[in-house]
Amino acid sequence: MSLHEKTTVVDGLQISNWSRPVLEELRTGGVSAVNATCAVWENAADTLRSIGQWLEVANRNPDLVFLATSGADIEAAKAQNRIAVFLGFQNASPFEDDYRYVEVFHRLGVRIAQLTYNNQNLIGGGCFETTDAGLTRYGQVVVEEMNRVGMLIDLSHVGYRTSRDAIEASAVPVSVTHSNPLWFHDTPRNKPHEVIQPLVDRGGVIGCCLYPTVSGGEHVTIEKFCGMITRMVDQYGPSHVGIGSDCTRGWDQEFVGWLRNGRWQPTDPRNAPAWPVWPNWFTGPLDFPRLTDGLVTAGLNDHTISAVLGGNWTRLFSEVMDTTKEHAHV
């Protein structure tokens, strides 16, 4: 059995258009668990519909997938050769302006939520805003509620100041599920040392991201990407680095316009956004074994590779999701 076959692989984020063929790609690629985005710009009502669609997918494919709610579900999925799907948000828009929706959606199975998606919202600043004023008063309450119910905080598309505020405000470790260090590729979507170090100091995990706009484009080599992971392991420790592919399988070109613009700005049909081209060594979940081989070639030992590919996410998910929480005093 190869190292990849023995390893429990957890993908920190995918935003695919889910179907049985797409899920089968994960299983063939050896992925045992995934944070699956079920809301970006949606409000509470639209998010309920999205969760309902996931229930339908899980009910129709019980041999392949189940909706996970705890870190312990990851090893169970590995043993059963199934996929543990953790429902996640890439924005706090489903919470609207009511902190009680945090517990509502937790009870419906949501276990991960990103605080902002590129823009300012009621929680705090997004990574593409010119000015990031930090975590708002409402944001502080949402962080407390997420801690209480056991919902993992994600800072991937969040502004730098809001990220630091959230790390400090959270009573438990937080995550950056799909970003790279700013030194690797200079884009506001990636994180500076001043965000990564506090996250690591408090037990969090950053998922190195393969999406072309944050990894350097279609021409980035596997050697360069795995070299980045090796440097991060050296700098931040082998317990704080993971993978968040940000795969986008099954969508048409129209969806990328929705993803970029939502309803907050129009999409110019003469200059409509298009999906970027992925590097030829990683075009989707089927290529996870190549990533494992690349990490071996980069010189990481088997224990560290297993931690990066899934062990660190398993630990963090268990720490945040599986611990009995106190009742809110809000």
C-alpha atoms as a PDB file:
ATOM      1  CA  MET A   1       0.000   0.000   0.000  1.00  0.00           C
ATOM      2  CA  SER A   2       1.374   3.405  -0.985  1.00  0.00           C
ATOM      3  CA  LEU A   3       1.783   6.322   1.414  1.00  0.00           C
ATOM      4  CA  HIS A   4      -1.149   8.093  -0.240  1.00  0.00           C
ATOM      5  CA  GLU A   5      -3.403   5.060   0.156  1.00  0.00           C
ATOM      6  CA  LYS A   6      -2.511   4.805   3.854  1.00  0.00           C
ATOM      7  CA  THR A   7      -2.972   8.533   4.509  1.00  0.00           C
ATOM      8  CA  THR A   8      -6.271  10.085   5.577  1.00  0.00           C
ATOM      9  CA  VAL A   9      -6.662  12.994   3.164  1.00  0.00           C
ATOM     10  CA  VAL A  10      -8.796  15.992   4.167  1.00  0.00           C
ATOM     11  CA  ASP A  11      -9.430  18.836   1.732  1.00  0.00           C
ATOM     12  CA  GLY A  12      -9.857  22.108   3.608  1.00  0.00           C
ATOM     13  CA  LEU A  13     -12.232  23.497   0.983  1.00  0.00           C
ATOM     14  CA  GLN A  14     -13.954  22.735  -2.296  1.00  0.00           C
ATOM     15  CA  ILE A  15     -16.754  24.697  -3.954  1.00  0.00           C
ATOM     16  CA  SER A  16     -17.747  22.182  -6.601  1.00  0.00           C
ATOM     17  CA  ASN A  17     -21.113  21.598  -8.247  1.00  0.00           C
ATOM     18  CA  TRP A  18     -21.722  18.340  -6.453  1.00  0.00           C
ATOM     19  CA  SER A  19     -22.936  15.205  -8.215  1.00  0.00           C
ATOM     20  CA  ARG A  20     -22.071  11.544  -7.980  1.00  0.00           C
ATOM     21  CA  PRO A  21     -19.354  11.790 -10.680  1.00  0.00           C
ATOM     22  CA  VAL A  22     -17.718  14.719  -8.857  1.00  0.00           C
ATOM     23  CA  LEU A  23     -17.859  12.848  -5.548  1.00  0.00           C
ATOM     24  CA  GLU A  24     -16.377   9.779  -7.197  1.00  0.00           C
ATOM     25  CA  GLU A  25     -13.399  11.913  -8.224  1.00  0.00           C
ATOM     26  CA  LEU A  26     -12.751  12.569  -4.545  1.00  0.00           C
ATOM     27  CA  ARG A  27     -12.902   8.900  -3.625  1.00  0.00           C
ATOM     28  CA  THR A  28     -10.684   7.879  -6.548  1.00  0.00           C
ATOM     29  CA  GLY A  29      -8.196  10.590  -5.507  1.00  0.00           C
ATOM     30  CA  GLY A  30      -8.139   9.221  -1.967  1.00  0.00           C
ATOM     31  CA  VAL A  31      -9.966  12.102  -0.273  1.00  0.00           C
ATOM     32  CA  SER A  32     -11.791  10.999   2.885  1.00  0.00           C
ATOM     33  CA  ALA A  33     -13.223  14.348   4.030  1.00  0.00           C
ATOM     34  CA  VAL A  34     -13.957  17.764   2.558  1.00  0.00           C
ATOM     35  CA  ASN A  35     -15.222  21.165   3.640  1.00  0.00           C
ATOM     36  CA  ALA A  36     -17.927  21.691   1.024  1.00  0.00           C
ATOM     37  CA  THR A  37     -19.150  25.254   0.482  1.00  0.00           C
ATOM     38  CA  CYS A  38     -22.946  25.486   0.601  1.00  0.00           C
ATOM     39  CA  ALA A  39     -23.261  29.290   0.761  1.00  0.00           C
ATOM     40  CA  VAL A  40     -21.336  32.349  -0.399  1.00  0.00           C
ATOM     41  CA  TRP A  41     -23.715  35.253  -1.048  1.00  0.00           C
ATOM     42  CA  GLU A  42     -26.923  33.457  -0.045  1.00  0.00           C
ATOM     43  CA  ASN A  43     -29.212  34.728   2.713  1.00  0.00           C
ATOM     44  CA  ALA A  44     -30.704  32.419   5.336  1.00  0.00           C
ATOM     45  CA  ALA A  45     -33.639  31.231   3.204  1.00  0.00           C
ATOM     46  CA  ASP A  46     -31.501  30.468   0.150  1.00  0.00           C
ATOM     47  CA  THR A  47     -29.001  28.629   2.346  1.00  0.00           C
ATOM     48  CA  LEU A  48     -31.750  26.370   3.670  1.00  0.00           C
ATOM     49  CA  ARG A  49     -32.423  25.317   0.084  1.00  0.00           C
ATOM     50  CA  SER A  50     -28.717  24.602  -0.430  1.00  0.00           C
ATOM     51  CA  ILE A  51     -28.575  22.439   2.695  1.00  0.00           C
ATOM     52  CA  GLY A  52     -31.672  20.632   1.497  1.00  0.00           C
ATOM     53  CA  GLN A  53     -29.942  19.872  -1.785  1.00  0.00           C
ATOM     54  CA  TRP A  54     -27.013  18.398   0.132  1.00  0.00           C
ATOM     55  CA  LEU A  55     -29.360  16.200   2.146  1.00  0.00           C
ATOM     56  CA  GLU A  56     -30.755  14.926  -1.146  1.00  0.00           C
ATOM     57  CA  VAL A  57     -27.263  14.168  -2.492  1.00  0.00           C
ATOM     58  CA  ALA A  58     -26.311  12.305   0.683  1.00  0.00           C
ATOM     59  CA  ASN A  59     -29.570  10.354   0.801  1.00  0.00           C
ATOM     60  CA  ARG A  60     -29.167   9.254  -2.822  1.00  0.00           C
ATOM     61  CA  ASN A  61     -25.511   8.219  -2.456  1.00  0.00           C
ATOM     62  CA  PRO A  62     -25.134   6.602   0.986  1.00  0.00           C
ATOM     63  CA  ASP A  63     -22.460   4.215  -0.293  1.00  0.00           C
ATOM     64  CA  LEU A  64     -20.290   7.176  -1.255  1.00  0.00           C
ATOM     65  CA  VAL A  65     -20.899  10.084   1.099  1.00  0.00           C
ATOM     66  CA  PHE A  66     -22.356  11.180   4.429  1.00  0.00           C
ATOM     67  CA  LEU A  67     -22.774  14.560   6.121  1.00  0.00           C
ATOM     68  CA  ALA A  68     -20.221  14.837   8.897  1.00  0.00           C
ATOM     69  CA  THR A  69     -20.591  16.719  12.171  1.00  0.00           C
ATOM     70  CA  SER A  70     -17.487  15.802  14.174  1.00  0.00           C
ATOM     71  CA  GLY A  71     -13.787  15.255  13.703  1.00  0.00           C
ATOM     72  CA  ALA A  72     -14.286  11.595  14.581  1.00  0.00           C
ATOM     73  CA  ASP A  73     -16.284  11.203  11.360  1.00  0.00           C
ATOM     74  CA  ILE A  74     -13.099  11.617   9.310  1.00  0.00           C
ATOM     75  CA  GLU A  75     -11.465   8.363  10.374  1.00  0.00           C
ATOM     76  CA  ALA A  76     -14.835   6.620  10.113  1.00  0.00           C
ATOM     77  CA  ALA A  77     -15.079   7.751   6.492  1.00  0.00           C
ATOM     78  CA  LYS A  78     -11.563   6.496   5.791  1.00  0.00           C
ATOM     79  CA  ALA A  79     -12.401   3.075   7.264  1.00  0.00           C
ATOM     80  CA  GLN A  80     -15.644   2.876   5.257  1.00  0.00           C
ATOM     81  CA  ASN A  81     -14.115   4.150   1.982  1.00  0.00           C
ATOM     82  CA  ARG A  82     -16.656   6.959   1.970  1.00  0.00           C
ATOM     83  CA  ILE A  83     -16.410  10.759   2.041  1.00  0.00           C
ATOM     84  CA  ALA A  84     -17.234  12.789   5.146  1.00  0.00           C
ATOM     85  CA  VAL A  85     -18.716  16.090   3.950  1.00  0.00           C
ATOM     86  CA  PHE A  86     -18.535  19.039   6.336  1.00  0.00           C
ATOM     87  CA  LEU A  87     -20.968  21.728   5.238  1.00  0.00           C
ATOM     88  CA  GLY A  88     -19.382  25.173   5.265  1.00  0.00           C
ATOM     89  CA  PHE A  89     -20.062  28.801   4.425  1.00  0.00           C
ATOM     90  CA  GLN A  90     -17.671  31.115   2.600  1.00  0.00           C
ATOM     91  CA  ASN A  91     -19.415  34.159   4.010  1.00  0.00           C
ATOM     92  CA  ALA A  92     -21.465  35.083   7.058  1.00  0.00           C
ATOM     93  CA  SER A  93     -24.379  36.212   4.859  1.00  0.00           C
ATOM     94  CA  PRO A  94     -26.603  33.268   5.970  1.00  0.00           C
ATOM     95  CA  PHE A  95     -26.446  34.620   9.540  1.00  0.00           C
ATOM     96  CA  GLU A  96     -27.923  37.910   8.282  1.00  0.00           C
ATOM     97  CA  ASP A  97     -28.207  40.255  11.277  1.00  0.00           C
ATOM     98  CA  ASP A  98     -29.265  37.645  13.853  1.00  0.00           C
ATOM     99  CA  TYR A  99     -26.631  35.842  15.941  1.00  0.00           C
ATOM    100  CA  ARG A 100     -29.148  33.070  16.708  1.00  0.00           C
ATOM    101  CA  TYR A 101     -28.791  31.816  13.140  1.00  0.00           C
ATOM    102  CA  VAL A 102     -25.339  30.505  14.117  1.00  0.00           C
ATOM    103  CA  GLU A 103     -26.926  27.859  16.315  1.00  0.00           C
ATOM    104  CA  VAL A 104     -29.769  27.288  13.847  1.00  0.00           C
ATOM    105  CA  PHE A 105     -27.356  26.414  11.051  1.00  0.00           C
ATOM    106  CA  HIS A 106     -25.157  24.400  13.386  1.00  0.00           C
ATOM    107  CA  ARG A 107     -28.196  22.289  14.252  1.00  0.00           C
ATOM    108  CA  LEU A 108     -28.743  21.830  10.508  1.00  0.00           C
ATOM    109  CA  GLY A 109     -25.229  20.448  10.126  1.00  0.00           C
ATOM    110  CA  VAL A 110     -23.056  23.450   9.226  1.00  0.00           C
ATOM    111  CA  ARG A 111     -19.677  23.123  10.913  1.00  0.00           C
ATOM    112  CA  ILE A 112     -17.454  25.756   9.245  1.00  0.00           C
ATOM    113  CA  ALA A 113     -18.075  29.423   8.380  1.00  0.00           C
ATOM    114  CA  GLN A 114     -15.839  32.042   6.806  1.00  0.00           C
ATOM    115  CA  LEU A 115     -16.460  35.441   8.338  1.00  0.00           C
ATOM    116  CA  THR A 116     -16.364  37.530   5.127  1.00  0.00           C
ATOM    117  CA  TYR A 117     -16.073  36.925   1.386  1.00  0.00           C
ATOM    118  CA  ASN A 118     -13.782  39.606  -0.087  1.00  0.00           C
ATOM    119  CA  ASN A 119     -16.119  42.482   0.897  1.00  0.00           C
ATOM    120  CA  GLN A 120     -17.075  44.305   4.076  1.00  0.00           C
ATOM    121  CA  ASN A 121     -20.110  42.788   5.779  1.00  0.00           C
ATOM    122  CA  LEU A 122     -21.805  42.985   9.168  1.00  0.00           C
ATOM    123  CA  ILE A 123     -19.009  40.882  10.694  1.00  0.00           C
ATOM    124  CA  GLY A 124     -15.894  42.696   9.489  1.00  0.00           C
ATOM    125  CA  GLY A 125     -13.664  43.570   6.560  1.00  0.00           C
ATOM    126  CA  GLY A 126     -12.995  41.508   3.455  1.00  0.00           C
ATOM    127  CA  CYS A 127      -9.569  41.038   1.900  1.00  0.00           C
ATOM    128  CA  PHE A 128     -10.290  43.217  -1.154  1.00  0.00           C
ATOM    129  CA  GLU A 129     -11.608  46.248   0.730  1.00  0.00           C
ATOM    130  CA  THR A 130      -9.366  49.316   0.660  1.00  0.00           C
ATOM    131  CA  THR A 131      -9.910  49.840   4.393  1.00  0.00           C
ATOM    132  CA  ASP A 132     -10.364  47.044   6.918  1.00  0.00           C
ATOM    133  CA  ALA A 133     -11.815  48.456  10.140  1.00  0.00           C
ATOM    134  CA  GLY A 134     -11.631  45.091  11.890  1.00  0.00           C
ATOM    135  CA  LEU A 135     -14.112  42.823  13.639  1.00  0.00           C
ATOM    136  CA  THR A 136     -17.382  44.625  14.391  1.00  0.00           C
ATOM    137  CA  ARG A 137     -19.412  44.422  17.607  1.00  0.00           C
ATOM    138  CA  TYR A 138     -21.748  42.001  15.867  1.00  0.00           C
ATOM    139  CA  GLY A 139     -18.704  40.083  14.646  1.00  0.00           C
ATOM    140  CA  GLN A 140     -17.548  39.641  18.233  1.00  0.00           C
ATOM    141  CA  VAL A 141     -20.912  38.095  19.127  1.00  0.00           C
ATOM    142  CA  VAL A 142     -20.839  35.772  16.096  1.00  0.00           C
ATOM    143  CA  VAL A 143     -17.328  34.603  17.037  1.00  0.00           C
ATOM    144  CA  GLU A 144     -18.525  33.848  20.569  1.00  0.00           C
ATOM    145  CA  GLU A 145     -21.519  31.926  19.237  1.00  0.00           C
ATOM    146  CA  MET A 146     -19.397  29.937  16.784  1.00  0.00           C
ATOM    147  CA  ASN A 147     -17.069  29.025  19.638  1.00  0.00           C
ATOM    148  CA  ARG A 148     -19.987  28.006  21.809  1.00  0.00           C
ATOM    149  CA  VAL A 149     -21.718  25.696  19.356  1.00  0.00           C
ATOM    150  CA  GLY A 150     -18.534  24.229  17.863  1.00  0.00           C
ATOM    151  CA  MET A 151     -18.385  25.869  14.432  1.00  0.00           C
ATOM    152  CA  LEU A 152     -14.908  26.381  12.984  1.00  0.00           C
ATOM    153  CA  ILE A 153     -13.994  29.965  12.036  1.00  0.00           C
ATOM    154  CA  ASP A 154     -12.443  30.382   8.560  1.00  0.00           C
ATOM    155  CA  LEU A 155     -10.458  33.512   7.638  1.00  0.00           C
ATOM    156  CA  SER A 156      -9.529  32.752   4.024  1.00  0.00           C
ATOM    157  CA  HIS A 157     -11.193  35.712   2.255  1.00  0.00           C
ATOM    158  CA  VAL A 158     -11.072  37.940   5.332  1.00  0.00           C
ATOM    159  CA  GLY A 159      -9.129  41.202   5.662  1.00  0.00           C
ATOM    160  CA  TYR A 160      -5.874  41.191   7.581  1.00  0.00           C
ATOM    161  CA  ARG A 161      -7.026  43.308  10.517  1.00  0.00           C
ATOM    162  CA  THR A 162     -10.332  41.467  10.848  1.00  0.00           C
ATOM    163  CA  SER A 163      -8.385  38.184  10.717  1.00  0.00           C
ATOM    164  CA  ARG A 164      -6.110  39.248  13.565  1.00  0.00           C
ATOM    165  CA  ASP A 165      -9.071  40.502  15.588  1.00  0.00           C
ATOM    166  CA  ALA A 166     -10.912  37.203  15.115  1.00  0.00           C
ATOM    167  CA  ILE A 167      -7.868  35.136  16.070  1.00  0.00           C
ATOM    168  CA  GLU A 168      -7.562  37.146  19.274  1.00  0.00           C
ATOM    169  CA  ALA A 169     -11.302  37.099  20.008  1.00  0.00           C
ATOM    170  CA  SER A 170     -11.753  33.347  19.516  1.00  0.00           C
ATOM    171  CA  ALA A 171     -11.480  31.099  22.552  1.00  0.00           C
ATOM    172  CA  VAL A 172     -10.502  28.159  20.332  1.00  0.00           C
ATOM    173  CA  PRO A 173      -8.147  27.792  17.353  1.00  0.00           C
ATOM    174  CA  VAL A 174      -9.311  29.102  13.981  1.00  0.00           C
ATOM    175  CA  SER A 175      -8.451  28.282  10.376  1.00  0.00           C
ATOM    176  CA  VAL A 176      -7.482  29.687   7.027  1.00  0.00           C
ATOM    177  CA  THR A 177      -8.882  26.843   4.943  1.00  0.00           C
ATOM    178  CA  HIS A 178      -7.583  27.899   1.513  1.00  0.00           C
ATOM    179  CA  SER A 179      -4.871  30.547   1.203  1.00  0.00           C
ATOM    180  CA  ASN A 180      -1.109  30.737   0.804  1.00  0.00           C
ATOM    181  CA  PRO A 181       1.509  32.954   2.411  1.00  0.00           C
ATOM    182  CA  LEU A 182       1.796  36.390   0.868  1.00  0.00           C
ATOM    183  CA  TRP A 183       5.481  35.880   0.077  1.00  0.00           C
ATOM    184  CA  PHE A 184       4.596  32.974  -2.240  1.00  0.00           C
ATOM    185  CA  HIS A 185       2.159  34.914  -4.418  1.00  0.00           C
ATOM    186  CA  ASP A 186       1.325  38.570  -3.886  1.00  0.00           C
ATOM    187  CA  THR A 187      -2.460  38.902  -3.809  1.00  0.00           C
ATOM    188  CA  PRO A 188      -4.769  40.187  -1.037  1.00  0.00           C
ATOM    189  CA  ARG A 189      -6.273  36.686  -0.904  1.00  0.00           C
ATOM    190  CA  ASN A 190      -3.042  35.357   0.602  1.00  0.00           C
ATOM    191  CA  LYS A 191      -1.913  35.964   4.161  1.00  0.00           C
ATOM    192  CA  PRO A 192       1.065  37.841   5.607  1.00  0.00           C
ATOM    193  CA  HIS A 193       3.204  36.485   8.412  1.00  0.00           C
ATOM    194  CA  GLU A 194       1.420  38.902  10.750  1.00  0.00           C
ATOM    195  CA  VAL A 195      -1.767  36.859  10.300  1.00  0.00           C
ATOM    196  CA  ILE A 196      -0.295  33.360  10.003  1.00  0.00           C
ATOM    197  CA  GLN A 197       1.922  33.525  13.083  1.00  0.00           C
ATOM    198  CA  PRO A 198      -0.848  34.494  15.556  1.00  0.00           C
ATOM    199  CA  LEU A 199      -3.108  31.846  14.013  1.00  0.00           C
ATOM    200  CA  VAL A 200      -0.398  29.214  14.512  1.00  0.00           C
ATOM    201  CA  ASP A 201       0.447  30.421  18.023  1.00  0.00           C
ATOM    202  CA  ARG A 202      -3.150  29.720  19.051  1.00  0.00           C
ATOM    203  CA  GLY A 203      -3.267  26.264  17.495  1.00  0.00           C
ATOM    204  CA  GLY A 204      -4.808  27.017  14.109  1.00  0.00           C
ATOM    205  CA  VAL A 205      -4.187  25.525  10.661  1.00  0.00           C
ATOM    206  CA  ILE A 206      -3.660  27.161   7.261  1.00  0.00           C
ATOM    207  CA  GLY A 207      -4.641  25.166   4.175  1.00  0.00           C
ATOM    208  CA  CYS A 208      -2.254  25.732   1.276  1.00  0.00           C
ATOM    209  CA  CYS A 209      -4.367  26.514  -1.757  1.00  0.00           C
ATOM    210  CA  LEU A 210      -4.056  25.202  -5.313  1.00  0.00           C
ATOM    211  CA  TYR A 211      -6.506  27.642  -6.913  1.00  0.00           C
ATOM    212  CA  PRO A 212      -4.518  29.345  -9.693  1.00  0.00           C
ATOM    213  CA  THR A 213      -5.188  32.961  -8.698  1.00  0.00           C
ATOM    214  CA  VAL A 214      -3.631  32.381  -5.262  1.00  0.00           C
ATOM    215  CA  SER A 215      -0.991  29.774  -6.184  1.00  0.00           C
ATOM    216  CA  GLY A 216       0.629  31.629  -9.076  1.00  0.00           C
ATOM    217  CA  GLY A 217      -1.304  30.394 -12.102  1.00  0.00           C
ATOM    218  CA  GLU A 218      -1.158  27.504 -14.498  1.00  0.00           C
ATOM    219  CA  HIS A 219       2.634  27.645 -14.809  1.00  0.00           C
ATOM    220  CA  VAL A 220       3.443  27.145 -11.125  1.00  0.00           C
ATOM    221  CA  THR A 221       5.323  23.853 -10.814  1.00  0.00           C
ATOM    222  CA  ILE A 222       4.696  21.090  -8.339  1.00  0.00           C
ATOM    223  CA  GLU A 223       8.260  21.562  -7.125  1.00  0.00           C
ATOM    224  CA  LYS A 224       7.616  25.225  -6.325  1.00  0.00           C
ATOM    225  CA  PHE A 225       4.278  24.527  -4.627  1.00  0.00           C
ATOM    226  CA  CYS A 226       5.652  21.694  -2.507  1.00  0.00           C
ATOM    227  CA  GLY A 227       8.695  23.827  -1.726  1.00  0.00           C
ATOM    228  CA  MET A 228       6.328  26.433  -0.302  1.00  0.00           C
ATOM    229  CA  ILE A 229       4.738  23.787   1.916  1.00  0.00           C
ATOM    230  CA  THR A 230       8.164  22.631   3.075  1.00  0.00           C
ATOM    231  CA  ARG A 231       9.154  26.182   4.000  1.00  0.00           C
ATOM    232  CA  MET A 232       5.884  26.663   5.880  1.00  0.00           C
ATOM    233  CA  VAL A 233       6.427  23.440   7.803  1.00  0.00           C
ATOM    234  CA  ASP A 234       9.903  24.641   8.741  1.00  0.00           C
ATOM    235  CA  GLN A 235       8.668  28.090   9.762  1.00  0.00           C
ATOM    236  CA  TYR A 236       5.370  27.301  11.473  1.00  0.00           C
ATOM    237  CA  GLY A 237       5.715  23.654  12.452  1.00  0.00           C
ATOM    238  CA  PRO A 238       4.343  20.442  10.939  1.00  0.00           C
ATOM    239  CA  SER A 239       1.128  20.626  12.999  1.00  0.00           C
ATOM    240  CA  HIS A 240      -0.234  23.821  11.446  1.00  0.00           C
ATOM    241  CA  VAL A 241      -0.128  23.305   7.675  1.00  0.00           C
ATOM    242  CA  GLY A 242      -2.816  21.586   5.609  1.00  0.00           C
ATOM    243  CA  ILE A 243      -4.282  21.563   2.100  1.00  0.00           C
ATOM    244  CA  GLY A 244      -7.335  23.469   0.851  1.00  0.00           C
ATOM    245  CA  SER A 245      -7.549  22.840  -2.881  1.00  0.00           C
ATOM    246  CA  ASP A 246     -10.450  25.235  -3.622  1.00  0.00           C
ATOM    247  CA  CYS A 247     -11.514  22.898  -6.422  1.00  0.00           C
ATOM    248  CA  THR A 248     -14.450  24.071  -8.557  1.00  0.00           C
ATOM    249  CA  ARG A 249     -15.571  20.948 -10.408  1.00  0.00           C
ATOM    250  CA  GLY A 250     -18.764  20.781 -12.446  1.00  0.00           C
ATOM    251  CA  TRP A 251     -19.576  24.468 -12.914  1.00  0.00           C
ATOM    252  CA  ASP A 252     -20.169  26.392 -16.120  1.00  0.00           C
ATOM    253  CA  GLN A 253     -18.613  29.786 -16.892  1.00  0.00           C
ATOM    254  CA  GLU A 254     -21.665  31.649 -15.611  1.00  0.00           C
ATOM    255  CA  PHE A 255     -21.098  30.523 -12.037  1.00  0.00           C
ATOM    256  CA  VAL A 256     -17.723  32.233 -11.745  1.00  0.00           C
ATOM    257  CA  GLY A 257     -19.505  35.536 -12.409  1.00  0.00           C
ATOM    258  CA  TRP A 258     -21.878  34.838  -9.519  1.00  0.00           C
ATOM    259  CA  LEU A 259     -18.961  33.850  -7.307  1.00  0.00           C
ATOM    260  CA  ARG A 260     -17.086  37.081  -8.008  1.00  0.00           C
ATOM    261  CA  ASN A 261     -20.030  39.470  -8.039  1.00  0.00           C
ATOM    262  CA  GLY A 262     -23.012  37.948  -6.219  1.00  0.00           C
ATOM    263  CA  ARG A 263     -25.790  40.523  -6.367  1.00  0.00           C
ATOM    264  CA  TRP A 264     -23.695  43.423  -5.130  1.00  0.00           C
ATOM    265  CA  GLN A 265     -22.410  44.511  -8.531  1.00  0.00           C
ATOM    266  CA  PRO A 266     -23.360  43.800 -12.154  1.00  0.00           C
ATOM    267  CA  THR A 267     -21.453  41.388 -14.349  1.00  0.00           C
ATOM    268  CA  ASP A 268     -20.413  43.032 -17.613  1.00  0.00           C
ATOM    269  CA  PRO A 269     -21.306  40.508 -20.359  1.00  0.00           C
ATOM    270  CA  ARG A 270     -18.540  41.968 -22.556  1.00  0.00           C
ATOM    271  CA  ASN A 271     -15.951  41.206 -19.889  1.00  0.00           C
ATOM    272  CA  ALA A 272     -17.443  38.286 -17.992  1.00  0.00           C
ATOM    273  CA  PRO A 273     -15.163  36.498 -15.505  1.00  0.00           C
ATOM    274  CA  ALA A 274     -13.806  33.112 -16.572  1.00  0.00           C
ATOM    275  CA  TRP A 275     -12.390  30.196 -14.635  1.00  0.00           C
ATOM    276  CA  PRO A 276      -8.577  30.265 -14.471  1.00  0.00           C
ATOM    277  CA  VAL A 277      -6.486  27.463 -15.980  1.00  0.00           C
ATOM    278  CA  TRP A 278      -5.108  25.032 -13.405  1.00  0.00           C
ATOM    279  CA  PRO A 279      -1.542  23.662 -13.507  1.00  0.00           C
ATOM    280  CA  ASN A 280      -1.330  20.391 -15.433  1.00  0.00           C
ATOM    281  CA  TRP A 281      -0.158  18.448 -12.378  1.00  0.00           C
ATOM    282  CA  PHE A 282      -3.288  19.313 -10.376  1.00  0.00           C
ATOM    283  CA  THR A 283      -6.556  19.812 -12.212  1.00  0.00           C
ATOM    284  CA  GLY A 284      -8.887  18.257  -9.631  1.00  0.00           C
ATOM    285  CA  PRO A 285      -9.235  15.737  -6.782  1.00  0.00           C
ATOM    286  CA  LEU A 286      -7.988  12.873  -8.966  1.00  0.00           C
ATOM    287  CA  ASP A 287      -4.525  14.433  -8.731  1.00  0.00           C
ATOM    288  CA  PHE A 288      -4.098  14.295  -4.954  1.00  0.00           C
ATOM    289  CA  PRO A 289      -1.719  11.306  -5.283  1.00  0.00           C
ATOM    290  CA  ARG A 290       0.560  13.518  -7.390  1.00  0.00           C
ATOM    291  CA  LEU A 291       0.638  16.049  -4.575  1.00  0.00           C
ATOM    292  CA  THR A 292       1.653  13.336  -2.122  1.00  0.00           C
ATOM    293  CA  ASP A 293       4.476  12.269  -4.444  1.00  0.00           C
ATOM    294  CA  GLY A 294       5.555  15.899  -4.735  1.00  0.00           C
ATOM    295  CA  LEU A 295       5.791  16.252  -0.967  1.00  0.00           C
ATOM    296  CA  VAL A 296       7.899  13.081  -0.816  1.00  0.00           C
ATOM    297  CA  THR A 297      10.232  14.484  -3.467  1.00  0.00           C
ATOM    298  CA  ALA A 298      10.413  17.774  -1.532  1.00  0.00           C
ATOM    299  CA  GLY A 299      11.944  15.835   1.372  1.00  0.00           C
ATOM    300  CA  LEU A 300       9.161  15.746   3.944  1.00  0.00           C
ATOM    301  CA  ASN A 301       8.961  12.572   6.016  1.00  0.00           C
ATOM    302  CA  ASP A 302       5.921  10.302   5.988  1.00  0.00           C
ATOM    303  CA  HIS A 303       4.619  11.528   9.352  1.00  0.00           C
ATOM    304  CA  THR A 304       4.713  15.177   8.279  1.00  0.00           C
ATOM    305  CA  ILE A 305       3.116  14.411   4.913  1.00  0.00           C
ATOM    306  CA  SER A 306       0.266  12.587   6.635  1.00  0.00           C
ATOM    307  CA  ALA A 307      -0.207  15.559   8.963  1.00  0.00           C
ATOM    308  CA  VAL A 308      -0.289  18.058   6.095  1.00  0.00           C
ATOM    309  CA  LEU A 309      -2.623  15.979   3.933  1.00  0.00           C
ATOM    310  CA  GLY A 310      -5.190  15.382   6.648  1.00  0.00           C
ATOM    311  CA  GLY A 311      -3.935  14.833  10.167  1.00  0.00           C
ATOM    312  CA  ASN A 312      -3.828  18.502  11.073  1.00  0.00           C
ATOM    313  CA  TRP A 313      -7.361  19.158   9.835  1.00  0.00           C
ATOM    314  CA  THR A 314      -8.566  16.071  11.725  1.00  0.00           C
ATOM    315  CA  ARG A 315      -7.020  17.387  14.924  1.00  0.00           C
ATOM    316  CA  LEU A 316      -8.430  20.896  14.484  1.00  0.00           C
ATOM    317  CA  PHE A 317     -11.915  19.723  13.505  1.00  0.00           C
ATOM    318  CA  SER A 318     -12.011  17.476  16.568  1.00  0.00           C
ATOM    319  CA  GLU A 319     -10.777  20.215  18.888  1.00  0.00           C
ATOM    320  CA  VAL A 320     -13.333  22.761  17.710  1.00  0.00           C
ATOM    321  CA  MET A 321     -16.338  20.607  16.834  1.00  0.00           C
ATOM    322  CA  ASP A 322     -16.242  17.768  19.339  1.00  0.00           C
ATOM    323  CA  THR A 323     -15.806  19.662  22.613  1.00  0.00           C
ATOM    324  CA  THR A 324     -18.805  20.284  24.863  1.00  0.00           C
ATOM    325  CA  LYS A 325     -19.495  24.020  24.880  1.00  0.00           C
ATOM    326  CA  GLU A 326     -20.896  26.346  27.504  1.00  0.00           C
ATOM    327  CA  HIS A 327     -24.278  27.970  26.981  1.00  0.00           C
ATOM    328  CA  ALA A 328     -24.228  31.484  25.610  1.00  0.00           C
ATOM    329  CA  HIS A 329     -24.509  34.472  27.933  1.00  0.00           C
ATOM    330  CA  VAL A 330     -25.442  36.973  25.255  1.00  0.00           C
END
